[in-house]
């Protein structure tokens, strides 16, 4: 294994402007103070803000306008608010959020859609990272780079200006998919049937909100139970959405930040994979874990261009816990997915429906001392001539995380062909210390010019890269057990 002489550290200066919500009561107090300010004072204060902060954003005026629009209904009736005063009010309801204040880790890598102008033996790639900031909220950020014929990577400089994706209109939900999710809630039968009866084939959040309010009043008497049931149902609806980034943004400027209740405490460990459809076209998917502070929900990102993203929940008996990773193509006409439903062992699942996973099969148990605590995948499987190569992780004494590898049959990936007895990669001395000590971890590797290229996290703080010749690794995996 060859480690690359590159370390990607978190950068506190990479910030995004977030809406600062102080509650209606305090917001009214702030608004009234700004409304009472003389116009010349408004201009002076606003100019000071612009002088200090405008260099950090492409269009800070637009930020202020957006945030003002979210509190404008609290402005006293009849008050004329000038453009400068609107911008100043917007500034009072804006806060900077440092995306990488805590860590930049758990990377994955995929071949970029655009390979134009790349020399032979080189590959343009997209590396995703889990960026973790204040309150330990995680988001997804990207860097583009070039891997040369020797499997060395050169990354583009990190973007100075960052942009959150915007919801593209009100989310439309598919009734058939939603019905399968609703089955997991165990609602009263008459409520369950009533909700589905009133829904059209596609529906919006607002439409089901009205249906719930009317249905709950007649069926559920306790107000607390009404609110609880409504929240659980709406969480399912809220879980599907689409994000779009403006044409003028580069990939390095784009940030996928939590926007729904189910992920309000973080988007964790995205495992990107380039998926080849049966007719030959390619789509990019990424499994990730949505976390609301108490519960986790597996989700799937879909994109073709890394500018427009569709996000949907995964459901079924196998879509629980963390560590889901999609195979890069169908196997025998079915989608295939790795999972870890019990938190300890690796499982495999097959499905006709990309979003519904019902029959997990046990694939691997911890076998060697370095992985006795638990095992899991380190990204989507890699297709080789000898079989499906799965980079794995294992946890051993002192909660030490190491990377391993295993090989599975191409036609029947439930059959293990080989498995490394010892770790493929373990934390070395200068990688042991970080937010979580003694950890190396990856969310996805790729094969390039006969090498397995692995981005990996360093103790849940920073990221680095390594590679190993594919033939050497396959030989070790297929070597008869001693």
Protein backbone atom coordinates (compact mmCIF):
# COMPACT_ATOMS: atom_id res chain seq x y z
CA UNK A 1 0.00 0.00 0.00
CA UNK A 2 1.41 3.40 -1.03
CA UNK A 3 0.24 6.44 0.89
CA UNK A 4 0.15 9.70 -1.05
CA UNK A 5 1.98 12.71 0.31
CA UNK A 6 -1.15 14.81 0.59
CA UNK A 7 -3.35 15.69 3.52
CA UNK A 8 -6.65 17.55 3.15
CA UNK A 9 -7.32 19.42 6.39
CA UNK A 10 -10.53 21.24 7.38
CA UNK A 11 -10.55 24.96 6.66
CA UNK A 12 -12.37 27.18 9.16
CA UNK A 13 -12.61 29.96 6.57
CA UNK A 14 -15.02 28.04 4.35
CA UNK A 15 -18.33 29.52 5.48
CA UNK A 16 -21.89 29.77 4.22
CA UNK A 17 -24.50 32.39 5.21
CA UNK A 18 -27.32 30.76 7.16
CA UNK A 19 -30.66 32.21 8.23
CA UNK A 20 -30.44 33.25 11.90
CA UNK A 21 -33.77 32.32 13.48
CA UNK A 22 -34.17 33.91 16.90
CA UNK A 23 -37.89 33.16 17.30
CA UNK A 24 -40.80 35.46 16.48
CA UNK A 25 -40.78 37.36 19.78
CA UNK A 26 -37.11 38.32 19.63
CA UNK A 27 -37.34 38.85 15.89
CA UNK A 28 -40.08 41.45 16.36
CA UNK A 29 -37.92 43.26 18.92
CA UNK A 30 -34.97 43.37 16.51
CA UNK A 31 -37.17 44.50 13.62
CA UNK A 32 -38.69 47.32 15.66
CA UNK A 33 -35.24 48.59 16.63
CA UNK A 34 -34.11 48.67 13.01
CA UNK A 35 -37.38 50.25 11.86
CA UNK A 36 -36.85 53.06 14.39
CA UNK A 37 -33.31 53.83 13.16
CA UNK A 38 -32.84 57.06 11.16
CA UNK A 39 -32.09 56.39 7.50
CA UNK A 40 -28.57 57.82 7.73
CA UNK A 41 -27.76 55.48 10.62
CA UNK A 42 -29.16 52.57 8.63
CA UNK A 43 -26.80 53.44 5.77
CA UNK A 44 -23.79 53.79 8.09
CA UNK A 45 -24.40 50.45 9.82
CA UNK A 46 -25.12 48.66 6.54
CA UNK A 47 -21.97 50.06 4.91
CA UNK A 48 -19.93 48.77 7.84
CA UNK A 49 -21.41 45.31 7.41
CA UNK A 50 -20.77 45.36 3.66
CA UNK A 51 -17.17 46.50 4.13
CA UNK A 52 -16.48 43.65 6.53
CA UNK A 53 -18.39 40.79 4.90
CA UNK A 54 -19.04 41.42 1.18
CA UNK A 55 -15.64 40.01 0.19
CA UNK A 56 -16.70 36.62 1.59
CA UNK A 57 -19.66 36.13 -0.77
CA UNK A 58 -20.42 36.46 -4.46
CA UNK A 59 -23.60 38.45 -3.82
CA UNK A 60 -24.17 39.35 -0.19
CA UNK A 61 -27.08 41.64 -1.13
CA UNK A 62 -28.98 38.63 -2.45
CA UNK A 63 -28.31 36.79 0.81
CA UNK A 64 -29.76 39.69 2.79
CA UNK A 65 -32.78 39.93 0.49
CA UNK A 66 -33.53 36.22 0.89
CA UNK A 67 -33.29 36.38 4.66
CA UNK A 68 -35.35 39.57 4.84
CA UNK A 69 -38.10 37.84 2.86
CA UNK A 70 -38.35 35.24 5.63
CA UNK A 71 -39.14 37.83 8.32
CA UNK A 72 -40.86 40.55 6.30
CA UNK A 73 -44.28 39.39 7.53
CA UNK A 74 -43.24 40.50 11.03
CA UNK A 75 -42.66 44.12 9.97
CA UNK A 76 -45.38 46.38 11.45
CA UNK A 77 -48.21 47.13 8.97
CA UNK A 78 -47.89 50.40 7.08
CA UNK A 79 -44.13 50.74 7.59
CA UNK A 80 -42.25 51.61 4.41
CA UNK A 81 -38.98 49.67 4.36
CA UNK A 82 -36.34 51.08 2.02
CA UNK A 83 -33.97 48.76 0.14
CA UNK A 84 -31.08 49.63 2.48
CA UNK A 85 -33.23 48.95 5.52
CA UNK A 86 -34.32 45.61 4.02
CA UNK A 87 -30.67 44.67 3.53
CA UNK A 88 -29.80 45.68 7.08
CA UNK A 89 -32.71 43.68 8.47
CA UNK A 90 -31.51 40.75 6.38
CA UNK A 91 -28.06 41.14 7.92
CA UNK A 92 -29.49 40.94 11.43
CA UNK A 93 -31.04 37.61 10.49
CA UNK A 94 -27.90 36.18 8.89
CA UNK A 95 -25.16 34.14 10.55
CA UNK A 96 -21.99 32.63 9.17
CA UNK A 97 -21.61 28.87 9.48
CA UNK A 98 -18.17 27.26 9.17
CA UNK A 99 -18.78 24.00 7.32
CA UNK A 100 -15.46 22.41 8.28
CA UNK A 101 -15.00 23.77 11.80
CA UNK A 102 -14.73 20.25 13.25
CA UNK A 103 -13.63 17.95 10.42
CA UNK A 104 -13.33 17.17 6.70
CA UNK A 105 -13.34 13.42 6.38
CA UNK A 106 -14.91 10.14 5.14
CA UNK A 107 -14.22 10.77 1.43
CA UNK A 108 -15.38 8.86 -1.62
CA UNK A 109 -14.19 9.15 -5.23
CA UNK A 110 -15.83 8.62 -8.63
CA UNK A 111 -14.92 9.27 -12.25
CA UNK A 112 -16.20 12.72 -13.29
CA UNK A 113 -18.86 12.94 -16.04
CA UNK A 114 -16.65 15.21 -18.19
CA UNK A 115 -13.34 13.68 -19.32
CA UNK A 116 -12.66 16.12 -22.17
CA UNK A 117 -9.08 17.38 -22.52
CA UNK A 118 -7.62 14.74 -20.22
CA UNK A 119 -4.29 13.14 -21.35
CA UNK A 120 -4.13 9.35 -21.87
CA UNK A 121 -3.69 7.47 -18.63
CA UNK A 122 -5.18 10.34 -16.62
CA UNK A 123 -8.66 10.61 -15.15
CA UNK A 124 -10.70 13.56 -13.92
CA UNK A 125 -12.36 12.60 -10.65
CA UNK A 126 -14.80 13.98 -8.11
CA UNK A 127 -13.98 13.53 -4.44
CA UNK A 128 -16.78 14.01 -1.93
CA UNK A 129 -16.15 14.77 1.72
CA UNK A 130 -18.19 14.85 4.89
CA UNK A 131 -17.75 18.38 6.25
CA UNK A 132 -18.65 18.78 9.93
CA UNK A 133 -19.13 22.16 11.57
CA UNK A 134 -20.70 23.83 14.59
CA UNK A 135 -23.04 21.58 16.64
CA UNK A 136 -21.51 18.62 14.76
CA UNK A 137 -23.82 19.10 11.76
CA UNK A 138 -22.48 17.34 8.67
CA UNK A 139 -22.89 18.27 5.00
CA UNK A 140 -21.41 17.15 1.67
CA UNK A 141 -18.73 19.15 -0.14
CA UNK A 142 -16.80 18.35 -3.32
CA UNK A 143 -13.35 18.76 -4.89
CA UNK A 144 -12.40 17.95 -8.47
CA UNK A 145 -8.99 16.58 -9.34
CA UNK A 146 -6.86 14.64 -11.81
CA UNK A 147 -5.37 11.20 -11.17
CA UNK A 148 -2.30 10.59 -13.35
CA UNK A 149 -1.04 7.33 -14.84
CA UNK A 150 0.96 6.62 -11.66
CA UNK A 151 -2.19 7.00 -9.53
CA UNK A 152 -1.12 10.30 -7.98
CA UNK A 153 -3.86 12.87 -7.49
CA UNK A 154 -3.78 16.63 -7.97
CA UNK A 155 -6.82 18.39 -6.54
CA UNK A 156 -8.23 21.73 -7.63
CA UNK A 157 -7.78 24.52 -5.10
CA UNK A 158 -10.68 24.72 -2.63
CA UNK A 159 -13.37 27.17 -3.68
CA UNK A 160 -13.49 30.50 -1.86
CA UNK A 161 -17.22 31.12 -2.36
CA UNK A 162 -19.69 28.44 -1.28
CA UNK A 163 -23.32 27.97 -2.28
CA UNK A 164 -26.08 25.84 -0.78
CA UNK A 165 -28.36 23.96 -3.12
CA UNK A 166 -31.84 25.38 -3.51
CA UNK A 167 -35.04 23.40 -3.31
CA UNK A 168 -36.55 23.40 -6.80
CA UNK A 169 -40.18 24.07 -6.00
CA UNK A 170 -42.46 22.09 -3.76
CA UNK A 171 -41.60 18.43 -3.56
CA UNK A 172 -43.84 15.98 -5.38
CA UNK A 173 -44.15 12.54 -3.85
CA UNK A 174 -45.03 9.27 -5.53
CA UNK A 175 -48.08 7.69 -3.90
CA UNK A 176 -46.97 4.09 -4.52
CA UNK A 177 -43.59 4.61 -2.84
CA UNK A 178 -45.17 6.61 -0.02
CA UNK A 179 -47.72 3.85 0.66
CA UNK A 180 -44.90 1.39 1.30
CA UNK A 181 -43.25 3.80 3.73
CA UNK A 182 -46.58 4.41 5.50
CA UNK A 183 -46.90 0.68 6.21
CA UNK A 184 -44.02 0.97 8.68
CA UNK A 185 -45.81 3.49 10.95
CA UNK A 186 -48.61 1.20 12.24
CA UNK A 187 -51.28 3.90 12.13
CA UNK A 188 -54.92 3.15 12.98
CA UNK A 189 -56.35 1.23 10.04
CA UNK A 190 -59.10 3.76 9.24
CA UNK A 191 -56.58 6.62 9.30
CA UNK A 192 -54.15 4.70 7.10
CA UNK A 193 -56.82 3.88 4.53
CA UNK A 194 -58.29 7.39 4.66
CA UNK A 195 -54.96 9.06 3.93
CA UNK A 196 -54.20 6.87 0.92
CA UNK A 197 -57.76 7.19 -0.42
CA UNK A 198 -57.49 10.99 -0.60
CA UNK A 199 -54.03 11.16 -2.18
CA UNK A 200 -53.51 11.57 -5.91
CA UNK A 201 -50.78 9.63 -7.75
CA UNK A 202 -48.41 12.53 -7.07
CA UNK A 203 -48.85 14.91 -4.16
CA UNK A 204 -47.16 17.80 -2.39
CA UNK A 205 -46.35 18.42 1.24
CA UNK A 206 -49.12 21.03 1.47
CA UNK A 207 -51.74 18.65 0.08
CA UNK A 208 -51.05 15.87 2.56
CA UNK A 209 -50.80 18.39 5.41
CA UNK A 210 -54.43 19.41 4.74
CA UNK A 211 -55.51 15.76 4.48
CA UNK A 212 -53.86 14.94 7.81
CA UNK A 213 -55.45 17.85 9.66
CA UNK A 214 -58.92 16.86 8.50
CA UNK A 215 -58.45 13.10 8.98
CA UNK A 216 -56.83 13.21 12.41
CA UNK A 217 -59.59 15.32 13.98
CA UNK A 218 -62.22 12.70 13.23
CA UNK A 219 -60.22 9.60 14.17
CA UNK A 220 -57.68 10.47 16.89
CA UNK A 221 -59.03 12.27 19.96
CA UNK A 222 -55.91 13.07 21.98
CA UNK A 223 -54.20 16.28 20.70
CA UNK A 224 -50.78 14.91 21.63
CA UNK A 225 -51.37 11.75 19.63
CA UNK A 226 -52.62 13.84 16.71
CA UNK A 227 -49.44 15.90 16.68
CA UNK A 228 -47.20 12.86 17.04
CA UNK A 229 -48.87 10.97 14.19
CA UNK A 230 -48.87 14.04 11.97
CA UNK A 231 -45.16 14.59 12.56
CA UNK A 232 -44.29 10.98 11.78
CA UNK A 233 -46.25 11.02 8.52
CA UNK A 234 -44.89 14.40 7.42
CA UNK A 235 -41.35 13.25 8.14
CA UNK A 236 -41.84 10.62 5.45
CA UNK A 237 -43.06 13.23 2.98
CA UNK A 238 -40.33 15.69 3.85
CA UNK A 239 -37.66 13.05 3.24
CA UNK A 240 -37.85 13.38 -0.57
CA UNK A 241 -36.70 16.53 -2.30
CA UNK A 242 -34.66 17.97 -5.14
CA UNK A 243 -31.76 20.40 -5.05
CA UNK A 244 -30.43 22.58 -7.84
CA UNK A 245 -27.31 24.72 -8.05
CA UNK A 246 -27.01 27.79 -10.31
CA UNK A 247 -25.15 27.46 -13.62
CA UNK A 248 -22.51 29.97 -12.53
CA UNK A 249 -21.35 27.80 -9.61
CA UNK A 250 -18.45 25.38 -9.87
CA UNK A 251 -18.57 21.93 -8.31
CA UNK A 252 -16.17 23.00 -5.57
CA UNK A 253 -18.58 25.78 -4.55
CA UNK A 254 -21.57 23.46 -4.11
CA UNK A 255 -22.65 22.35 -0.64
CA UNK A 256 -25.38 19.81 0.11
CA UNK A 257 -26.53 21.04 3.52
CA UNK A 258 -29.39 19.52 5.57
CA UNK A 259 -32.76 20.92 4.50
CA UNK A 260 -35.35 18.50 5.94
CA UNK A 261 -36.36 17.49 9.43
CA UNK A 262 -35.05 13.94 9.05
CA UNK A 263 -31.50 15.22 8.49
CA UNK A 264 -31.49 18.40 10.56
CA UNK A 265 -28.52 17.10 12.58
CA UNK A 266 -26.50 15.95 9.63
CA UNK A 267 -25.91 14.29 6.27
CA UNK A 268 -23.37 11.59 7.07
CA UNK A 269 -20.98 9.39 5.10
CA UNK A 270 -22.10 9.71 1.47
CA UNK A 271 -20.90 6.75 -0.61
CA UNK A 272 -20.92 7.87 -4.26
CA UNK A 273 -20.88 5.36 -7.10
CA UNK A 274 -21.03 5.64 -10.88
CA UNK A 275 -23.88 3.31 -11.82
CA UNK A 276 -24.06 1.85 -15.34
CA UNK A 277 -27.62 1.22 -16.49
CA UNK A 278 -28.44 -1.91 -18.51
CA UNK A 279 -28.65 0.08 -21.77
CA UNK A 280 -25.23 1.65 -21.12
CA UNK A 281 -26.07 5.10 -19.75
CA UNK A 282 -24.56 6.23 -16.45
CA UNK A 283 -26.09 7.78 -13.34
CA UNK A 284 -24.40 8.73 -10.10
CA UNK A 285 -25.89 7.56 -6.82
CA UNK A 286 -24.86 8.00 -3.22
CA UNK A 287 -26.20 6.35 -0.12
CA UNK A 288 -25.96 8.40 3.06
CA UNK A 289 -27.27 8.50 6.61
CA UNK A 290 -29.74 11.25 7.55
CA UNK A 291 -29.67 12.06 11.25
CA UNK A 292 -32.28 14.12 13.12
CA UNK A 293 -30.58 14.08 16.51
CA UNK A 294 -32.33 10.92 17.70
CA UNK A 295 -32.93 8.64 14.74
CA UNK A 296 -31.17 7.78 11.50
CA UNK A 297 -32.73 7.30 8.06
CA UNK A 298 -30.86 5.83 5.07
CA UNK A 299 -31.26 7.94 1.93
CA UNK A 300 -30.16 7.85 -1.69
CA UNK A 301 -28.89 10.74 -3.82
CA UNK A 302 -29.30 10.63 -7.60
CA UNK A 303 -27.55 12.93 -10.07
CA UNK A 304 -26.28 12.94 -13.64
CA UNK A 305 -24.35 16.21 -13.58
CA UNK A 306 -23.60 17.09 -9.91
CA UNK A 307 -25.68 20.23 -10.41
CA UNK A 308 -29.17 18.82 -9.98
CA UNK A 309 -29.73 16.27 -7.20
CA UNK A 310 -32.72 14.10 -6.30
CA UNK A 311 -32.87 12.79 -2.73
CA UNK A 312 -35.16 9.97 -1.63
CA UNK A 313 -35.41 7.76 1.47
CA UNK A 314 -34.64 4.06 1.35
CA UNK A 315 -37.09 1.74 3.03
CA UNK A 316 -37.71 -1.92 3.74
CA UNK A 317 -36.36 -4.39 6.29
CA UNK A 318 -32.83 -4.01 4.94
CA UNK A 319 -32.78 -0.21 4.85
CA UNK A 320 -31.92 0.28 8.50
CA UNK A 321 -28.81 1.27 10.43
CA UNK A 322 -25.78 2.71 8.61
CA UNK A 323 -23.33 1.37 6.01
CA UNK A 324 -25.40 0.92 2.87
CA UNK A 325 -23.47 0.81 -0.41
CA UNK A 326 -24.93 0.27 -3.89
CA UNK A 327 -23.30 -2.03 -6.45
CA UNK A 328 -22.31 -0.13 -9.66
CA UNK A 329 -24.67 -2.14 -11.88
CA UNK A 330 -27.52 -4.63 -11.71
CA UNK A 331 -26.67 -8.28 -11.08
CA UNK A 332 -28.89 -10.83 -12.82
CA UNK A 333 -31.42 -8.08 -13.51
CA UNK A 334 -31.65 -6.82 -9.94
CA UNK A 335 -30.16 -3.93 -8.01
CA UNK A 336 -27.70 -5.06 -5.33
CA UNK A 337 -26.76 -3.36 -2.07
CA UNK A 338 -24.45 -3.95 0.88
CA UNK A 339 -25.76 -3.18 4.36
CA UNK A 340 -25.14 -3.76 8.06
CA UNK A 341 -28.59 -4.10 9.61
CA UNK A 342 -27.38 -5.37 13.01
CA UNK A 343 -24.43 -2.99 13.47
CA UNK A 344 -21.93 -5.87 13.47
CA UNK A 345 -22.07 -8.03 10.31
CA UNK A 346 -22.10 -7.36 6.58
CA UNK A 347 -25.26 -8.16 4.62
CA UNK A 348 -26.19 -8.17 0.93
CA UNK A 349 -29.59 -7.40 -0.62
CA UNK A 350 -31.17 -7.67 -4.07
CA UNK A 351 -34.22 -5.76 -5.28
CA UNK A 352 -36.24 -4.85 -8.35
CA UNK A 353 -36.92 -1.46 -6.76
CA UNK A 354 -33.98 0.86 -6.14
CA UNK A 355 -35.66 2.33 -3.06
CA UNK A 356 -37.16 -0.80 -1.45
CA UNK A 357 -34.90 -3.36 0.24
CA UNK A 358 -36.74 -6.18 1.98
CA UNK A 359 -34.54 -9.31 2.14
CA UNK A 360 -31.06 -8.80 3.61
CA UNK A 361 -28.84 -11.90 3.56
CA UNK A 362 -25.90 -12.39 5.91
CA UNK A 363 -22.67 -11.98 3.92
CA UNK A 364 -19.79 -11.75 6.42
CA UNK A 365 -19.15 -11.92 10.13
CA UNK A 366 -16.10 -10.56 11.97
CA UNK A 367 -13.45 -13.25 11.53
CA UNK A 368 -10.04 -11.89 12.50
CA UNK A 369 -8.90 -10.20 15.74
CA UNK A 370 -8.55 -6.75 14.13
CA UNK A 371 -12.29 -6.77 13.26
CA UNK A 372 -13.88 -8.65 16.17
CA UNK A 373 -15.98 -5.65 17.31
CA UNK A 374 -17.70 -5.05 13.95
CA UNK A 375 -17.17 -4.96 10.21
CA UNK A 376 -18.65 -2.83 7.45
CA UNK A 377 -18.06 -1.71 3.89
CA UNK A 378 -15.83 1.17 2.87
CA UNK A 379 -17.81 2.10 -0.21
CA UNK A 380 -19.45 0.49 -3.22
CA UNK A 381 -17.97 -2.75 -4.62
CA UNK A 382 -15.44 -2.51 -7.47
CA UNK A 383 -15.81 -4.80 -10.49
CA UNK A 384 -12.68 -6.74 -11.51
CA UNK A 385 -12.10 -9.71 -13.83
CA UNK A 386 -11.66 -11.95 -10.80
CA UNK A 387 -14.74 -10.82 -8.89
CA UNK A 388 -16.35 -8.04 -6.89
CA UNK A 389 -13.69 -6.32 -4.80
CA UNK A 390 -15.07 -4.91 -1.56
CA UNK A 391 -12.92 -2.60 0.52
CA UNK A 392 -14.10 -3.08 4.08
CA UNK A 393 -13.46 -1.67 7.52
CA UNK A 394 -13.08 -3.50 10.79
CA UNK A 395 -12.97 -2.43 14.42
CA UNK A 396 -10.67 -4.13 16.92
CA UNK A 397 -9.03 -3.54 20.31
CA UNK A 398 -9.08 0.06 21.59
CA UNK A 399 -11.82 0.80 18.99
CA UNK A 400 -9.14 0.93 16.30
CA UNK A 401 -10.56 1.18 12.76
CA UNK A 402 -8.62 -0.45 9.90
CA UNK A 403 -9.40 -1.08 6.23
CA UNK A 404 -9.54 -4.59 4.79
CA UNK A 405 -10.59 -6.25 1.54
CA UNK A 406 -12.61 -9.22 0.30
CA UNK A 407 -13.50 -10.70 -3.09
CA UNK A 408 -16.89 -12.08 -4.19
CA UNK A 409 -18.17 -13.96 -7.22
CA UNK A 410 -19.25 -11.73 -10.12
CA UNK A 411 -22.45 -13.65 -10.91
CA UNK A 412 -23.30 -14.57 -7.32
CA UNK A 413 -21.81 -12.02 -4.91
CA UNK A 414 -23.14 -13.97 -1.93
CA UNK A 415 -20.13 -16.28 -2.48
CA UNK A 416 -16.90 -15.11 -0.87
CA UNK A 417 -13.80 -16.01 -2.92
CA UNK A 418 -11.19 -14.56 -0.62
CA UNK A 419 -10.57 -12.26 2.30
CA UNK A 420 -7.49 -10.56 3.74
CA UNK A 421 -6.39 -11.99 7.05
CA UNK A 422 -4.62 -8.77 8.00
CA UNK A 423 -5.57 -5.09 7.51
CA UNK A 424 -4.99 -3.46 4.16
CA UNK A 425 -4.51 -0.06 5.82
CA UNK A 426 -4.24 0.87 9.48
CA UNK A 427 -3.58 4.19 11.25
CA UNK A 428 0.11 4.98 11.35
CA UNK A 429 1.71 7.04 14.10
CA UNK A 430 0.99 10.47 12.57
CA UNK A 431 -2.61 9.45 11.78
CA UNK A 432 -3.63 8.21 15.22
CA UNK A 433 -4.68 11.52 16.75
CA UNK A 434 -7.82 13.41 15.76
CA UNK A 435 -11.47 13.98 16.61
CA UNK A 436 -11.84 10.20 16.99
CA UNK A 437 -8.39 8.62 17.56
CA UNK A 438 -7.05 5.48 15.87
CA UNK A 439 -9.28 5.52 12.79
CA UNK A 440 -8.81 5.12 9.05
CA UNK A 441 -12.08 5.02 7.11
CA UNK A 442 -13.26 5.35 3.51
CA UNK A 443 -16.59 5.81 1.75
CA UNK A 444 -15.53 4.71 -1.72
CA UNK A 445 -12.53 3.77 -3.88
CA UNK A 446 -11.96 3.33 -7.63
CA UNK A 447 -9.72 1.37 -9.99
CA UNK A 448 -7.37 3.38 -12.23
CA UNK A 449 -4.55 2.15 -14.48
CA UNK A 450 -4.26 -1.16 -12.68
CA UNK A 451 -4.29 0.43 -9.23
CA UNK A 452 -6.91 0.57 -6.49
CA UNK A 453 -7.10 4.23 -5.49
CA UNK A 454 -8.46 4.75 -1.98
CA UNK A 455 -9.31 8.11 -0.39
CA UNK A 456 -9.49 7.72 3.37
CA UNK A 457 -10.23 9.67 6.53
CA UNK A 458 -7.62 10.24 9.21
CA UNK A 459 -9.06 9.86 12.72
CA UNK A 460 -12.34 11.59 11.81
CA UNK A 461 -10.56 14.91 11.24
CA UNK A 462 -8.76 15.12 7.88
CA UNK A 463 -8.43 13.10 4.66
CA UNK A 464 -5.67 11.51 2.62
CA UNK A 465 -5.13 9.03 -0.24
CA UNK A 466 -3.45 5.69 -0.89
CA UNK A 467 -3.14 3.12 -3.68
CA UNK A 468 -2.20 -0.52 -4.19
CA UNK A 469 -1.63 -2.53 -7.40
CA UNK A 470 -4.83 -4.40 -8.24
CA UNK A 471 -3.04 -7.59 -9.31
CA UNK A 472 -1.09 -7.68 -6.06
CA UNK A 473 -4.28 -7.30 -4.02
CA UNK A 474 -6.17 -9.93 -6.02
CA UNK A 475 -3.29 -12.36 -5.66
CA UNK A 476 -3.35 -11.89 -1.89
CA UNK A 477 -7.12 -12.36 -1.79
CA UNK A 478 -7.05 -15.56 -3.86
CA UNK A 479 -4.09 -17.05 -2.02
CA UNK A 480 -5.12 -20.30 -0.30
CA UNK A 481 -5.61 -19.94 3.44
CA UNK A 482 -2.62 -21.07 5.49
